[in-house]
Amino acid sequence: MIDWKKTFVIIWSGQLLSILSSSIVGFAIVLWLSFETRSAEVLAFSTIAALLPQSLLGPIAGVYVDRWKRKRVMILSDSFIAFCTIILAALFYLDVAEIWQIYLLLAMRSIGSAFHSPAMQASIPLIAPKEELVRISGINQMIQSLCNIAGPALGALLITWMDMSFILMLDVVGAIIACLGLLLVVIPDPPKEEIQEKRQVFREMIEGIREVTQKKGLKWLFIFSILCTFFLMPVGVLFPLMTLNHFSGTAFQMSLIEVVWGSGMLIGGMALGLKKVKWNKIVLINLSYIILGLSFAFSGLLPKEGYAGFVVLTTIGGIASSIYFSMFNTVIQTNIKPSALGRVFSMFMSVSILPSMIGLLSTGFLADSIGIASTFLICGIVVTLAGVISFGVPSIMLLSKEDNER
């Protein structure tokens, strides 16, 4: 019998350092691109480069995640991401880094993430008891939040007195520590009887899709989440430029927004991780849409002197985001059999991100034509309406009822 608490402590310790280093590096790259170009399009294209390969490979990656040993998948994925980061660090060290090279290396890192993320999410229900999944999701959000708080602050500090090549190497060190942590634990795979010997990738992809579509409530839950992601993704890209251009902010103020977003996520994760949640998960998901949408919409209404209000609203949005991700992941983990979780998480990642690429491609146009603040307002209103309408979809609320009966 696996000591699941000890296993999670070891995994979380390694992942904490890995996620923190990735957060530092990610924000340092955003700052570098922002100050070098001050372009919404450049930030949008860097986000596309970091997400598109992951979303295109998602369905195929999920098939192999469910076939292969998940521990091995995570170690190899982390190692590949570290290798790509070393190449990018070398380009900065030699002072030959160009924007297209950054796009390319971000895309390569995305390939590794396409395998790592679903493998991690699919492993959780195999390690921990089902009744602990909400708390584990909350603790995962706490870890993400701590890194979102410290990462941007450290990234903004380090970029002022350290070369980008050295900052990038922090991510390599984090990946090595994460791999060492994984080597120390046992991560089970689905029972062999649950995995049929199939070698048709397309067929297995279809079976992953069927796991979701055969339950009407889950299908509609996915659809609303995809719709909200479509409108939230462009806004997420514009956060640095909202501070820099709309509020005439500094690097410190840009990092502060990332810090308070992480602080909000930390509060949400603590609320879920420190005490068992008795609220209905589906209700919390819908309320999260509404609160998140309103925080963005009101941010778009703020005057140029309203940076303090932007800080408050961003914190509230972070809380809602943390609760949403925790509840959504838990609903999937409790409604899908373990042998198909890799495919389902990969499929969701792909079908939610791919449509958002259209929104990201229009980010520069929206920011230049209607303004960054107006983009926040419009996208926030749409997400708020999606949350309200979701309460009126019977199959989603029926899924909510079934969740209470478990």
Foldseek 3Di string as FASTA:
>chain_A
DFPLVVLVVLLLVLVLLLLLLVLQLVLLVLVVCCVVPVFLLLLLLLVCLLAVLLLVCLLLLLLVLLVDDLLVLQLVLLQQLLVLLLVQLVCQVVPNDDSVSSSNSSNSNSNSVSNNVLSVLLQVCVRDPLQCLLLVLLVVLLSNLVSLQNNLVNNLVCSVPHGSSVSSNSSSVSSVSSSVSSVVGDGDHPPPVVDDPDDDSVVLSVVLVCLQVVQPLSVVVLVLLLLLLLLVVLLVSCQLSCQCPLLVHDSNLSSLLSNLLSVLSNVLSCVRNVDPDPDQLLLLLLVLLQLLLVLLQVQLVDHSNCSVSNSVSSNSNSNSVNSNSSSSSSLLNVSGDSSSSSSNVSNSSNSSVVSSSVVSNCSSVCCVPVRSSVSSNVSSVVSNVSSVVCVVDVSNVVSSVVVNVD
